[in-house]
C-alpha atoms as a PDB file:
ATOM      1  CA  UNK A   1     -28.303  19.757  26.311  1.00  0.00           C
ATOM      2  CA  UNK A   2     -24.939  19.254  24.524  1.00  0.00           C
ATOM      3  CA  UNK A   3     -22.503  22.133  24.957  1.00  0.00           C
ATOM      4  CA  UNK A   4     -22.810  24.780  22.222  1.00  0.00           C
ATOM      5  CA  UNK A   5     -26.235  23.545  21.037  1.00  0.00           C
ATOM      6  CA  UNK A   6     -29.424  25.302  22.109  1.00  0.00           C
ATOM      7  CA  UNK A   7     -32.663  23.616  20.995  1.00  0.00           C
ATOM      8  CA  UNK A   8     -35.908  25.561  20.871  1.00  0.00           C
ATOM      9  CA  UNK A   9     -37.787  22.860  22.799  1.00  0.00           C
ATOM     10  CA  UNK A  10     -35.357  23.292  25.717  1.00  0.00           C
ATOM     11  CA  UNK A  11     -35.475  27.098  25.857  1.00  0.00           C
ATOM     12  CA  UNK A  12     -37.989  28.661  28.204  1.00  0.00           C
ATOM     13  CA  UNK A  13     -39.957  31.795  27.395  1.00  0.00           C
ATOM     14  CA  UNK A  14     -39.436  34.499  29.997  1.00  0.00           C
ATOM     15  CA  UNK A  15     -42.364  36.895  30.386  1.00  0.00           C
ATOM     16  CA  UNK A  16     -41.110  40.442  30.875  1.00  0.00           C
ATOM     17  CA  UNK A  17     -44.487  42.172  30.695  1.00  0.00           C
ATOM     18  CA  UNK A  18     -47.542  39.873  30.594  1.00  0.00           C
ATOM     19  CA  UNK A  19     -49.306  39.995  27.234  1.00  0.00           C
ATOM     20  CA  UNK A  20     -46.812  42.511  25.870  1.00  0.00           C
ATOM     21  CA  UNK A  21     -43.150  41.429  25.941  1.00  0.00           C
ATOM     22  CA  UNK A  22     -41.369  38.107  26.372  1.00  0.00           C
ATOM     23  CA  UNK A  23     -37.940  36.753  25.465  1.00  0.00           C
ATOM     24  CA  UNK A  24     -35.972  33.591  24.806  1.00  0.00           C
ATOM     25  CA  UNK A  25     -32.229  33.449  25.418  1.00  0.00           C
ATOM     26  CA  UNK A  26     -31.380  31.516  22.270  1.00  0.00           C
ATOM     27  CA  UNK A  27     -27.623  30.894  22.721  1.00  0.00           C
ATOM     28  CA  UNK A  28     -24.813  32.272  24.847  1.00  0.00           C
ATOM     29  CA  UNK A  29     -21.370  31.980  26.310  1.00  0.00           C
ATOM     30  CA  UNK A  30     -19.278  34.512  28.211  1.00  0.00           C
ATOM     31  CA  UNK A  31     -18.432  36.490  25.061  1.00  0.00           C
ATOM     32  CA  UNK A  32     -21.663  36.442  23.035  1.00  0.00           C
ATOM     33  CA  UNK A  33     -25.431  36.155  23.536  1.00  0.00           C
ATOM     34  CA  UNK A  34     -28.370  35.729  21.136  1.00  0.00           C
ATOM     35  CA  UNK A  35     -31.840  36.705  22.425  1.00  0.00           C
ATOM     36  CA  UNK A  36     -35.231  36.681  20.692  1.00  0.00           C
ATOM     37  CA  UNK A  37     -37.658  39.297  22.014  1.00  0.00           C
ATOM     38  CA  UNK A  38     -41.363  38.979  21.194  1.00  0.00           C
ATOM     39  CA  UNK A  39     -43.537  42.120  21.267  1.00  0.00           C
ATOM     40  CA  UNK A  40     -47.283  42.725  21.058  1.00  0.00           C
ATOM     41  CA  UNK A  41     -48.391  45.830  19.160  1.00  0.00           C
ATOM     42  CA  UNK A  42     -48.032  48.894  21.373  1.00  0.00           C
ATOM     43  CA  UNK A  43     -45.486  47.288  23.712  1.00  0.00           C
ATOM     44  CA  UNK A  44     -42.518  49.399  24.738  1.00  0.00           C
ATOM     45  CA  UNK A  45     -38.933  48.431  25.424  1.00  0.00           C
ATOM     46  CA  UNK A  46     -38.075  51.291  27.795  1.00  0.00           C
ATOM     47  CA  UNK A  47     -35.157  53.547  26.916  1.00  0.00           C
ATOM     48  CA  UNK A  48     -32.017  52.269  28.642  1.00  0.00           C
ATOM     49  CA  UNK A  49     -28.261  51.872  28.219  1.00  0.00           C
ATOM     50  CA  UNK A  50     -25.778  49.131  29.096  1.00  0.00           C
ATOM     51  CA  UNK A  51     -22.033  48.641  28.558  1.00  0.00           C
ATOM     52  CA  UNK A  52     -22.563  45.735  26.124  1.00  0.00           C
ATOM     53  CA  UNK A  53     -22.370  46.209  22.368  1.00  0.00           C
ATOM     54  CA  UNK A  54     -25.626  45.119  20.722  1.00  0.00           C
ATOM     55  CA  UNK A  55     -26.847  44.347  17.226  1.00  0.00           C
ATOM     56  CA  UNK A  56     -30.583  43.937  16.634  1.00  0.00           C
ATOM     57  CA  UNK A  57     -32.209  42.280  13.614  1.00  0.00           C
ATOM     58  CA  UNK A  58     -35.939  42.644  12.910  1.00  0.00           C
ATOM     59  CA  UNK A  59     -37.443  39.210  12.275  1.00  0.00           C
ATOM     60  CA  UNK A  60     -41.067  40.369  11.940  1.00  0.00           C
ATOM     61  CA  UNK A  61     -43.397  43.255  12.728  1.00  0.00           C
ATOM     62  CA  UNK A  62     -42.636  46.973  12.760  1.00  0.00           C
ATOM     63  CA  UNK A  63     -40.765  48.956  15.403  1.00  0.00           C
ATOM     64  CA  UNK A  64     -39.945  52.589  16.144  1.00  0.00           C
ATOM     65  CA  UNK A  65     -36.362  52.172  17.349  1.00  0.00           C
ATOM     66  CA  UNK A  66     -34.595  55.010  19.174  1.00  0.00           C
ATOM     67  CA  UNK A  67     -30.810  55.180  19.290  1.00  0.00           C
ATOM     68  CA  UNK A  68     -29.341  58.238  20.940  1.00  0.00           C
ATOM     69  CA  UNK A  69     -31.444  61.161  19.653  1.00  0.00           C
ATOM     70  CA  UNK A  70     -32.532  59.414  16.411  1.00  0.00           C
ATOM     71  CA  UNK A  71     -35.671  57.308  15.920  1.00  0.00           C
ATOM     72  CA  UNK A  72     -36.015  55.096  12.833  1.00  0.00           C
ATOM     73  CA  UNK A  73     -38.536  52.481  11.695  1.00  0.00           C
ATOM     74  CA  UNK A  74     -37.345  48.858  11.639  1.00  0.00           C
ATOM     75  CA  UNK A  75     -39.142  46.300   9.483  1.00  0.00           C
ATOM     76  CA  UNK A  76     -38.310  42.663   8.682  1.00  0.00           C
ATOM     77  CA  UNK A  77     -34.765  42.384   7.383  1.00  0.00           C
ATOM     78  CA  UNK A  78     -33.617  45.687   8.928  1.00  0.00           C
ATOM     79  CA  UNK A  79     -30.969  45.859  11.636  1.00  0.00           C
ATOM     80  CA  UNK A  80     -29.260  48.328  13.941  1.00  0.00           C
ATOM     81  CA  UNK A  81     -25.902  48.372  15.756  1.00  0.00           C
ATOM     82  CA  UNK A  82     -25.897  49.851  19.273  1.00  0.00           C
ATOM     83  CA  UNK A  83     -22.524  50.852  20.712  1.00  0.00           C
ATOM     84  CA  UNK A  84     -22.044  50.200  24.430  1.00  0.00           C
ATOM     85  CA  UNK A  85     -23.548  52.792  26.804  1.00  0.00           C
ATOM     86  CA  UNK A  86     -25.655  54.522  24.111  1.00  0.00           C
ATOM     87  CA  UNK A  87     -29.280  55.050  25.242  1.00  0.00           C
ATOM     88  CA  UNK A  88     -31.832  53.149  23.144  1.00  0.00           C
ATOM     89  CA  UNK A  89     -35.417  51.912  23.268  1.00  0.00           C
ATOM     90  CA  UNK A  90     -38.201  50.582  21.096  1.00  0.00           C
ATOM     91  CA  UNK A  91     -41.947  50.891  20.576  1.00  0.00           C
ATOM     92  CA  UNK A  92     -43.682  48.076  18.730  1.00  0.00           C
ATOM     93  CA  UNK A  93     -45.941  49.452  15.988  1.00  0.00           C
ATOM     94  CA  UNK A  94     -47.051  46.039  14.611  1.00  0.00           C
ATOM     95  CA  UNK A  95     -46.608  42.824  16.617  1.00  0.00           C
ATOM     96  CA  UNK A  96     -43.250  41.248  15.922  1.00  0.00           C
ATOM     97  CA  UNK A  97     -39.946  39.783  17.005  1.00  0.00           C
ATOM     98  CA  UNK A  98     -36.430  41.169  17.315  1.00  0.00           C
ATOM     99  CA  UNK A  99     -33.238  39.133  17.483  1.00  0.00           C
ATOM    100  CA  UNK A 100     -30.675  40.796  19.769  1.00  0.00           C
ATOM    101  CA  UNK A 101     -26.993  39.920  19.885  1.00  0.00           C
ATOM    102  CA  UNK A 102     -24.845  41.113  22.791  1.00  0.00           C
ATOM    103  CA  UNK A 103     -21.143  41.085  23.459  1.00  0.00           C
ATOM    104  CA  UNK A 104     -20.243  40.189  26.102  1.00  0.00           C
ATOM    105  CA  UNK A 105     -23.295  38.196  27.226  1.00  0.00           C
ATOM    106  CA  UNK A 106     -25.853  39.881  29.489  1.00  0.00           C
ATOM    107  CA  UNK A 107     -25.283  38.223  32.844  1.00  0.00           C
ATOM    108  CA  UNK A 108     -28.450  39.928  34.122  1.00  0.00           C
ATOM    109  CA  UNK A 109     -30.493  37.919  31.573  1.00  0.00           C
ATOM    110  CA  UNK A 110     -29.200  34.678  33.093  1.00  0.00           C
ATOM    111  CA  UNK A 111     -29.939  35.507  36.732  1.00  0.00           C
ATOM    112  CA  UNK A 112     -33.140  33.562  37.489  1.00  0.00           C
END
């Protein structure tokens, strides 16, 4: 794959929870990472925190997204910014996909 180009046919789907959650690392370098996360209805992205800054864009579906003590509904076209180290999590209300951007990249997502 040419440097800086990431083609869908070359990107593997990583199953995080069979039948519920999977992801594709779409593009990355040391400073930035783009990740698509696919959720079945009812799937949960457990509450967690990490030092990376994150922005999430809702591609499809409906999600109850928690950030700190606030929970809001995300629908297609909605987005959220997550400062580093702020606890957050998600529950999928209607099957869908989120596009996550991290800075710097999540090294733990690349460890296979």
